Amino acid sequence: MIMATTTVSSKGQIVIPRALREKYRLTSGTRLAIAESDEGLVLAPLKQAQSSHRQAGWRALRGSARGTNALKQHLAEHRREAKR
């Protein structure tokens, strides 16, 4: 069991120590549930299925256009439409 301390910032943010982030595979963007128990606060990573639909959709598309110009073409078309 790893014991560590951290400080709450003026914005209510905390830094989870590296050893714990690595142990629980917490990466940037990982959503955490926070609950209150008799012993204090409990943080638990949310399962991937509970992430927002939009994020899951974009993650599913990652790498799907690899080796093609489809993404570049789509972005160029989007920019042309935005200029109108």
PDB file of N, CA and C in Angstrom:
ATOM      1  N   MET A   1       0.839  -1.175   0.000  1.00  0.00           N
ATOM      2  CA  MET A   1       0.000   0.000   0.000  1.00  0.00           C
ATOM      3  C   MET A   1       0.883   1.237   0.000  1.00  0.00           C
ATOM      4  N   ILE A   2       0.622   2.143  -0.955  1.00  0.00           N
ATOM      5  CA  ILE A   2       1.398   3.379  -1.062  1.00  0.00           C
ATOM      6  C   ILE A   2       0.688   4.469  -0.273  1.00  0.00           C
ATOM      7  N   MET A   3       1.436   5.154   0.581  1.00  0.00           N
ATOM      8  CA  MET A   3       0.877   6.273   1.338  1.00  0.00           C
ATOM      9  C   MET A   3       1.542   7.537   0.839  1.00  0.00           C
ATOM     10  N   ALA A   4       0.756   8.530   0.479  1.00  0.00           N
ATOM     11  CA  ALA A   4       1.309   9.781  -0.037  1.00  0.00           C
ATOM     12  C   ALA A   4       0.434  10.930   0.411  1.00  0.00           C
ATOM     13  N   THR A   5       0.967  12.140   0.303  1.00  0.00           N
ATOM     14  CA  THR A   5       0.190  13.332   0.622  1.00  0.00           C
ATOM     15  C   THR A   5       0.169  14.250  -0.589  1.00  0.00           C
ATOM     16  N   THR A   6      -0.826  15.109  -0.627  1.00  0.00           N
ATOM     17  CA  THR A   6      -0.935  16.100  -1.687  1.00  0.00           C
ATOM     18  C   THR A   6      -1.626  17.319  -1.095  1.00  0.00           C
ATOM     19  N   THR A   7      -1.652  18.413  -1.820  1.00  0.00           N
ATOM     20  CA  THR A   7      -2.260  19.649  -1.359  1.00  0.00           C
ATOM     21  C   THR A   7      -3.358  20.066  -2.328  1.00  0.00           C
ATOM     22  N   VAL A   8      -4.456  20.542  -1.794  1.00  0.00           N
ATOM     23  CA  VAL A   8      -5.548  21.035  -2.632  1.00  0.00           C
ATOM     24  C   VAL A   8      -5.200  22.464  -3.055  1.00  0.00           C
ATOM     25  N   SER A   9      -5.288  22.725  -4.371  1.00  0.00           N
ATOM     26  CA  SER A   9      -4.982  24.064  -4.880  1.00  0.00           C
ATOM     27  C   SER A   9      -6.151  25.011  -4.624  1.00  0.00           C
ATOM     28  N   SER A  10      -5.955  26.285  -4.911  1.00  0.00           N
ATOM     29  CA  SER A  10      -7.023  27.276  -4.733  1.00  0.00           C
ATOM     30  C   SER A  10      -8.210  26.985  -5.648  1.00  0.00           C
ATOM     31  N   LYS A  11      -7.993  26.216  -6.715  1.00  0.00           N
ATOM     32  CA  LYS A  11      -9.062  25.831  -7.634  1.00  0.00           C
ATOM     33  C   LYS A  11      -9.681  24.485  -7.259  1.00  0.00           C
ATOM     34  N   GLY A  12      -9.257  23.903  -6.150  1.00  0.00           N
ATOM     35  CA  GLY A  12      -9.795  22.622  -5.717  1.00  0.00           C
ATOM     36  C   GLY A  12      -9.151  21.434  -6.412  1.00  0.00           C
ATOM     37  N   GLN A  13      -8.035  21.645  -7.076  1.00  0.00           N
ATOM     38  CA  GLN A  13      -7.358  20.571  -7.799  1.00  0.00           C
ATOM     39  C   GLN A  13      -6.315  19.902  -6.913  1.00  0.00           C
ATOM     40  N   ILE A  14      -6.075  18.613  -7.182  1.00  0.00           N
ATOM     41  CA  ILE A  14      -5.022  17.887  -6.482  1.00  0.00           C
ATOM     42  C   ILE A  14      -4.147  17.190  -7.519  1.00  0.00           C
ATOM     43  N   VAL A  15      -2.936  16.871  -7.115  1.00  0.00           N
ATOM     44  CA  VAL A  15      -2.032  16.085  -7.949  1.00  0.00           C
ATOM     45  C   VAL A  15      -1.943  14.699  -7.328  1.00  0.00           C
ATOM     46  N   ILE A  16      -2.247  13.690  -8.141  1.00  0.00           N
ATOM     47  CA  ILE A  16      -2.120  12.311  -7.670  1.00  0.00           C
ATOM     48  C   ILE A  16      -0.668  11.903  -7.907  1.00  0.00           C
ATOM     49  N   PRO A  17       0.033  11.457  -6.879  1.00  0.00           N
ATOM     50  CA  PRO A  17       1.447  11.105  -7.036  1.00  0.00           C
ATOM     51  C   PRO A  17       1.687  10.084  -8.149  1.00  0.00           C
ATOM     52  N   ARG A  18       2.828  10.221  -8.808  1.00  0.00           N
ATOM     53  CA  ARG A  18       3.176   9.382  -9.955  1.00  0.00           C
ATOM     54  C   ARG A  18       3.051   7.896  -9.662  1.00  0.00           C
ATOM     55  N   ALA A  19       3.544   7.463  -8.520  1.00  0.00           N
ATOM     56  CA  ALA A  19       3.503   6.032  -8.192  1.00  0.00           C
ATOM     57  C   ALA A  19       2.065   5.501  -8.216  1.00  0.00           C
ATOM     58  N   LEU A  20       1.127   6.286  -7.702  1.00  0.00           N
ATOM     59  CA  LEU A  20      -0.275   5.862  -7.708  1.00  0.00           C
ATOM     60  C   LEU A  20      -0.888   5.943  -9.107  1.00  0.00           C
ATOM     61  N   ARG A  21      -0.525   7.000  -9.872  1.00  0.00           N
ATOM     62  CA  ARG A  21      -1.020   7.096 -11.262  1.00  0.00           C
ATOM     63  C   ARG A  21      -0.562   5.897 -12.071  1.00  0.00           C
ATOM     64  N   GLU A  22       0.695   5.507 -11.886  1.00  0.00           N
ATOM     65  CA  GLU A  22       1.217   4.351 -12.630  1.00  0.00           C
ATOM     66  C   GLU A  22       0.574   3.050 -12.157  1.00  0.00           C
ATOM     67  N   LYS A  23       0.442   2.894 -10.851  1.00  0.00           N
ATOM     68  CA  LYS A  23      -0.148   1.669 -10.310  1.00  0.00           C
ATOM     69  C   LYS A  23      -1.580   1.460 -10.813  1.00  0.00           C
ATOM     70  N   TYR A  24      -2.364   2.538 -10.867  1.00  0.00           N
ATOM     71  CA  TYR A  24      -3.770   2.432 -11.270  1.00  0.00           C
ATOM     72  C   TYR A  24      -4.008   2.841 -12.725  1.00  0.00           C
ATOM     73  N   ARG A  25      -2.909   3.037 -13.442  1.00  0.00           N
ATOM     74  CA  ARG A  25      -2.959   3.380 -14.875  1.00  0.00           C
ATOM     75  C   ARG A  25      -3.844   4.589 -15.152  1.00  0.00           C
ATOM     76  N   LEU A  26      -3.650   5.636 -14.382  1.00  0.00           N
ATOM     77  CA  LEU A  26      -4.387   6.881 -14.566  1.00  0.00           C
ATOM     78  C   LEU A  26      -3.612   7.766 -15.527  1.00  0.00           C
ATOM     79  N   THR A  27      -4.223   8.105 -16.626  1.00  0.00           N
ATOM     80  CA  THR A  27      -3.583   8.957 -17.619  1.00  0.00           C
ATOM     81  C   THR A  27      -4.382  10.247 -17.755  1.00  0.00           C
ATOM     82  N   SER A  28      -3.828  11.198 -18.462  1.00  0.00           N
ATOM     83  CA  SER A  28      -4.504  12.460 -18.696  1.00  0.00           C
ATOM     84  C   SER A  28      -5.879  12.202 -19.304  1.00  0.00           C
ATOM     85  N   GLY A  29      -6.885  12.816 -18.752  1.00  0.00           N
ATOM     86  CA  GLY A  29      -8.239  12.642 -19.255  1.00  0.00           C
ATOM     87  C   GLY A  29      -9.034  11.537 -18.592  1.00  0.00           C
ATOM     88  N   THR A  30      -8.390  10.735 -17.732  1.00  0.00           N
ATOM     89  CA  THR A  30      -9.120   9.683 -17.015  1.00  0.00           C
ATOM     90  C   THR A  30     -10.148  10.334 -16.106  1.00  0.00           C
ATOM     91  N   ARG A  31     -11.390   9.890 -16.202  1.00  0.00           N
ATOM     92  CA  ARG A  31     -12.455  10.428 -15.353  1.00  0.00           C
ATOM     93  C   ARG A  31     -12.500   9.622 -14.058  1.00  0.00           C
ATOM     94  N   LEU A  32     -12.650  10.350 -12.946  1.00  0.00           N
ATOM     95  CA  LEU A  32     -12.693   9.719 -11.633  1.00  0.00           C
ATOM     96  C   LEU A  32     -14.034  10.018 -10.959  1.00  0.00           C
ATOM     97  N   ALA A  33     -14.564   9.015 -10.286  1.00  0.00           N
ATOM     98  CA  ALA A  33     -15.740   9.205  -9.435  1.00  0.00           C
ATOM     99  C   ALA A  33     -15.216   9.540  -8.048  1.00  0.00           C
ATOM    100  N   ILE A  34     -15.888  10.431  -7.362  1.00  0.00           N
ATOM    101  CA  ILE A  34     -15.502  10.766  -5.997  1.00  0.00           C
ATOM    102  C   ILE A  34     -16.708  10.504  -5.096  1.00  0.00           C
ATOM    103  N   ALA A  35     -16.469   9.769  -4.031  1.00  0.00           N
ATOM    104  CA  ALA A  35     -17.550   9.397  -3.113  1.00  0.00           C
ATOM    105  C   ALA A  35     -17.104   9.673  -1.688  1.00  0.00           C
ATOM    106  N   GLU A  36     -18.082   9.836  -0.840  1.00  0.00           N
ATOM    107  CA  GLU A  36     -17.806  10.051   0.573  1.00  0.00           C
ATOM    108  C   GLU A  36     -18.069   8.749   1.323  1.00  0.00           C
ATOM    109  N   SER A  37     -17.148   8.372   2.200  1.00  0.00           N
ATOM    110  CA  SER A  37     -17.330   7.181   3.024  1.00  0.00           C
ATOM    111  C   SER A  37     -17.133   7.571   4.485  1.00  0.00           C
ATOM    112  N   ASP A  38     -17.313   6.622   5.368  1.00  0.00           N
ATOM    113  CA  ASP A  38     -17.108   6.885   6.796  1.00  0.00           C
ATOM    114  C   ASP A  38     -15.665   7.280   7.086  1.00  0.00           C
ATOM    115  N   GLU A  39     -14.745   6.826   6.223  1.00  0.00           N
ATOM    116  CA  GLU A  39     -13.329   7.097   6.437  1.00  0.00           C
ATOM    117  C   GLU A  39     -12.840   8.344   5.714  1.00  0.00           C
ATOM    118  N   GLY A  40     -13.656   8.943   4.860  1.00  0.00           N
ATOM    119  CA  GLY A  40     -13.246  10.135   4.123  1.00  0.00           C
ATOM    120  C   GLY A  40     -13.691  10.066   2.670  1.00  0.00           C
ATOM    121  N   LEU A  41     -12.884  10.634   1.794  1.00  0.00           N
ATOM    122  CA  LEU A  41     -13.198  10.650   0.368  1.00  0.00           C
ATOM    123  C   LEU A  41     -12.563   9.463  -0.338  1.00  0.00           C
ATOM    124  N   VAL A  42     -13.261   8.939  -1.331  1.00  0.00           N
ATOM    125  CA  VAL A  42     -12.762   7.809  -2.116  1.00  0.00           C
ATOM    126  C   VAL A  42     -12.797   8.200  -3.582  1.00  0.00           C
ATOM    127  N   LEU A  43     -11.668   8.049  -4.269  1.00  0.00           N
ATOM    128  CA  LEU A  43     -11.581   8.285  -5.711  1.00  0.00           C
ATOM    129  C   LEU A  43     -11.521   6.945  -6.415  1.00  0.00           C
ATOM    130  N   ALA A  44     -12.260   6.813  -7.504  1.00  0.00           N
ATOM    131  CA  ALA A  44     -12.234   5.572  -8.282  1.00  0.00           C
ATOM    132  C   ALA A  44     -12.358   5.907  -9.753  1.00  0.00           C
ATOM    133  N   PRO A  45     -11.492   5.327 -10.600  1.00  0.00           N
ATOM    134  CA  PRO A  45     -11.602   5.590 -12.037  1.00  0.00           C
ATOM    135  C   PRO A  45     -12.921   5.050 -12.578  1.00  0.00           C
ATOM    136  N   LEU A  46     -13.557   5.834 -13.451  1.00  0.00           N
ATOM    137  CA  LEU A  46     -14.771   5.368 -14.119  1.00  0.00           C
ATOM    138  C   LEU A  46     -14.383   4.430 -15.238  1.00  0.00           C
ATOM    139  N   LYS A  47     -15.212   3.458 -15.493  1.00  0.00           N
ATOM    140  CA  LYS A  47     -14.943   2.542 -16.591  1.00  0.00           C
ATOM    141  C   LYS A  47     -15.106   3.269 -17.910  1.00  0.00           C
ATOM    142  N   GLN A  48     -14.419   2.811 -18.941  1.00  0.00           N
ATOM    143  CA  GLN A  48     -14.457   3.433 -20.263  1.00  0.00           C
ATOM    144  C   GLN A  48     -15.882   3.589 -20.773  1.00  0.00           C
ATOM    145  N   ALA A  49     -16.744   2.621 -20.506  1.00  0.00           N
ATOM    146  CA  ALA A  49     -18.111   2.653 -21.007  1.00  0.00           C
ATOM    147  C   ALA A  49     -18.882   3.835 -20.444  1.00  0.00           C
ATOM    148  N   GLN A  50     -18.440   4.405 -19.330  1.00  0.00           N
ATOM    149  CA  GLN A  50     -19.153   5.519 -18.729  1.00  0.00           C
ATOM    150  C   GLN A  50     -18.648   6.869 -19.203  1.00  0.00           C
ATOM    151  N   SER A  51     -17.634   6.886 -20.092  1.00  0.00           N
ATOM    152  CA  SER A  51     -17.163   8.164 -20.604  1.00  0.00           C
ATOM    153  C   SER A  51     -18.203   8.733 -21.548  1.00  0.00           C
ATOM    154  N   SER A  52     -18.081  10.009 -21.842  1.00  0.00           N
ATOM    155  CA  SER A  52     -19.092  10.636 -22.687  1.00  0.00           C
ATOM    156  C   SER A  52     -19.118  10.006 -24.069  1.00  0.00           C
ATOM    157  N   HIS A  53     -20.289  10.016 -24.672  1.00  0.00           N
ATOM    158  CA  HIS A  53     -20.493   9.408 -25.996  1.00  0.00           C
ATOM    159  C   HIS A  53     -19.570  10.056 -27.028  1.00  0.00           C
ATOM    160  N   ARG A  54     -19.428  11.382 -26.947  1.00  0.00           N
ATOM    161  CA  ARG A  54     -18.591  12.092 -27.907  1.00  0.00           C
ATOM    162  C   ARG A  54     -17.139  11.636 -27.814  1.00  0.00           C
ATOM    163  N   GLN A  55     -16.598  11.538 -26.616  1.00  0.00           N
ATOM    164  CA  GLN A  55     -15.209  11.114 -26.456  1.00  0.00           C
ATOM    165  C   GLN A  55     -15.012   9.697 -26.952  1.00  0.00           C
ATOM    166  N   ALA A  56     -15.929   8.812 -26.615  1.00  0.00           N
ATOM    167  CA  ALA A  56     -15.808   7.428 -27.052  1.00  0.00           C
ATOM    168  C   ALA A  56     -15.832   7.350 -28.566  1.00  0.00           C
ATOM    169  N   GLY A  57     -16.676   8.171 -29.196  1.00  0.00           N
ATOM    170  CA  GLY A  57     -16.770   8.184 -30.653  1.00  0.00           C
ATOM    171  C   GLY A  57     -15.465   8.605 -31.309  1.00  0.00           C
ATOM    172  N   TRP A  58     -14.868   9.682 -30.790  1.00  0.00           N
ATOM    173  CA  TRP A  58     -13.601  10.148 -31.363  1.00  0.00           C
ATOM    174  C   TRP A  58     -12.482   9.140 -31.123  1.00  0.00           C
ATOM    175  N   ARG A  59     -12.472   8.521 -29.962  1.00  0.00           N
ATOM    176  CA  ARG A  59     -11.431   7.530 -29.694  1.00  0.00           C
ATOM    177  C   ARG A  59     -11.568   6.340 -30.623  1.00  0.00           C
ATOM    178  N   ALA A  60     -12.789   5.969 -30.946  1.00  0.00           N
ATOM    179  CA  ALA A  60     -13.018   4.838 -31.847  1.00  0.00           C
ATOM    180  C   ALA A  60     -12.500   5.144 -33.244  1.00  0.00           C
ATOM    181  N   LEU A  61     -12.509   6.415 -33.624  1.00  0.00           N
ATOM    182  CA  LEU A  61     -12.056   6.803 -34.959  1.00  0.00           C
ATOM    183  C   LEU A  61     -10.546   6.965 -35.051  1.00  0.00           C
ATOM    184  N   ARG A  62      -9.873   7.062 -33.925  1.00  0.00           N
ATOM    185  CA  ARG A  62      -8.433   7.294 -33.934  1.00  0.00           C
ATOM    186  C   ARG A  62      -7.723   6.227 -34.765  1.00  0.00           C
ATOM    187  N   GLY A  63      -6.953   6.667 -35.737  1.00  0.00           N
ATOM    188  CA  GLY A  63      -6.174   5.758 -36.568  1.00  0.00           C
ATOM    189  C   GLY A  63      -6.948   5.145 -37.718  1.00  0.00           C
ATOM    190  N   SER A  64      -8.249   5.419 -37.812  1.00  0.00           N
ATOM    191  CA  SER A  64      -9.038   4.783 -38.867  1.00  0.00           C
ATOM    192  C   SER A  64      -8.708   5.335 -40.247  1.00  0.00           C
ATOM    193  N   ALA A  65      -8.175   6.548 -40.317  1.00  0.00           N
ATOM    194  CA  ALA A  65      -7.847   7.134 -41.615  1.00  0.00           C
ATOM    195  C   ALA A  65      -6.349   7.045 -41.908  1.00  0.00           C
ATOM    196  N   ARG A  66      -5.635   6.259 -41.144  1.00  0.00           N
ATOM    197  CA  ARG A  66      -4.192   6.138 -41.308  1.00  0.00           C
ATOM    198  C   ARG A  66      -3.863   5.651 -42.705  1.00  0.00           C
ATOM    199  N   GLY A  67      -2.904   6.301 -43.330  1.00  0.00           N
ATOM    200  CA  GLY A  67      -2.474   5.887 -44.657  1.00  0.00           C
ATOM    201  C   GLY A  67      -3.325   6.460 -45.775  1.00  0.00           C
ATOM    202  N   THR A  68      -4.292   7.304 -45.444  1.00  0.00           N
ATOM    203  CA  THR A  68      -5.115   7.935 -46.468  1.00  0.00           C
ATOM    204  C   THR A  68      -5.120   9.435 -46.240  1.00  0.00           C
ATOM    205  N   ASN A  69      -5.631  10.138 -47.190  1.00  0.00           N
ATOM    206  CA  ASN A  69      -5.766  11.581 -47.051  1.00  0.00           C
ATOM    207  C   ASN A  69      -7.177  11.961 -46.631  1.00  0.00           C
ATOM    208  N   ALA A  70      -7.968  11.011 -46.201  1.00  0.00           N
ATOM    209  CA  ALA A  70      -9.369  11.260 -45.884  1.00  0.00           C
ATOM    210  C   ALA A  70      -9.528  12.345 -44.827  1.00  0.00           C
ATOM    211  N   LEU A  71      -8.742  12.273 -43.773  1.00  0.00           N
ATOM    212  CA  LEU A  71      -8.862  13.252 -42.705  1.00  0.00           C
ATOM    213  C   LEU A  71      -8.449  14.638 -43.193  1.00  0.00           C
ATOM    214  N   LYS A  72      -7.331  14.714 -43.919  1.00  0.00           N
ATOM    215  CA  LYS A  72      -6.877  16.000 -44.447  1.00  0.00           C
ATOM    216  C   LYS A  72      -7.922  16.595 -45.377  1.00  0.00           C
ATOM    217  N   GLN A  73      -8.511  15.767 -46.217  1.00  0.00           N
ATOM    218  CA  GLN A  73      -9.538  16.243 -47.147  1.00  0.00           C
ATOM    219  C   GLN A  73     -10.766  16.737 -46.382  1.00  0.00           C
ATOM    220  N   HIS A  74     -11.158  16.001 -45.379  1.00  0.00           N
ATOM    221  CA  HIS A  74     -12.314  16.396 -44.580  1.00  0.00           C
ATOM    222  C   HIS A  74     -12.071  17.743 -43.893  1.00  0.00           C
ATOM    223  N   LEU A  75     -10.888  17.911 -43.299  1.00  0.00           N
ATOM    224  CA  LEU A  75     -10.566  19.166 -42.620  1.00  0.00           C
ATOM    225  C   LEU A  75     -10.494  20.330 -43.604  1.00  0.00           C
ATOM    226  N   ALA A  76      -9.921  20.099 -44.773  1.00  0.00           N
ATOM    227  CA  ALA A  76      -9.848  21.146 -45.790  1.00  0.00           C
ATOM    228  C   ALA A  76     -11.250  21.562 -46.232  1.00  0.00           C
ATOM    229  N   GLU A  77     -12.117  20.597 -46.427  1.00  0.00           N
ATOM    230  CA  GLU A  77     -13.503  20.888 -46.814  1.00  0.00           C
ATOM    231  C   GLU A  77     -14.214  21.668 -45.712  1.00  0.00           C
ATOM    232  N   HIS A  78     -13.984  21.274 -44.482  1.00  0.00           N
ATOM    233  CA  HIS A  78     -14.592  21.964 -43.338  1.00  0.00           C
ATOM    234  C   HIS A  78     -14.118  23.420 -43.274  1.00  0.00           C
ATOM    235  N   ARG A  79     -12.825  23.667 -43.503  1.00  0.00           N
ATOM    236  CA  ARG A  79     -12.279  25.026 -43.485  1.00  0.00           C
ATOM    237  C   ARG A  79     -12.887  25.862 -44.607  1.00  0.00           C
ATOM    238  N   ARG A  80     -13.045  25.248 -45.808  1.00  0.00           N
ATOM    239  CA  ARG A  80     -13.648  25.978 -46.931  1.00  0.00           C
ATOM    240  C   ARG A  80     -15.081  26.387 -46.591  1.00  0.00           C
ATOM    241  N   GLU A  81     -15.824  25.481 -45.971  1.00  0.00           N
ATOM    242  CA  GLU A  81     -17.212  25.783 -45.593  1.00  0.00           C
ATOM    243  C   GLU A  81     -17.267  26.871 -44.546  1.00  0.00           C
ATOM    244  N   ALA A  82     -16.305  26.861 -43.623  1.00  0.00           N
ATOM    245  CA  ALA A  82     -16.286  27.846 -42.550  1.00  0.00           C
ATOM    246  C   ALA A  82     -15.989  29.249 -43.078  1.00  0.00           C
ATOM    247  N   LYS A  83     -15.235  29.342 -44.156  1.00  0.00           N
ATOM    248  CA  LYS A  83     -14.883  30.641 -44.740  1.00  0.00           C
ATOM    249  C   LYS A  83     -16.068  31.287 -45.446  1.00  0.00           C
ATOM    250  N   ARG A  84     -17.046  30.500 -45.854  1.00  0.00           N
ATOM    251  CA  ARG A  84     -18.210  31.036 -46.580  1.00  0.00           C
ATOM    252  C   ARG A  84     -19.087  31.878 -45.740  1.00  0.00           C
TER     253      ARG A  84
END
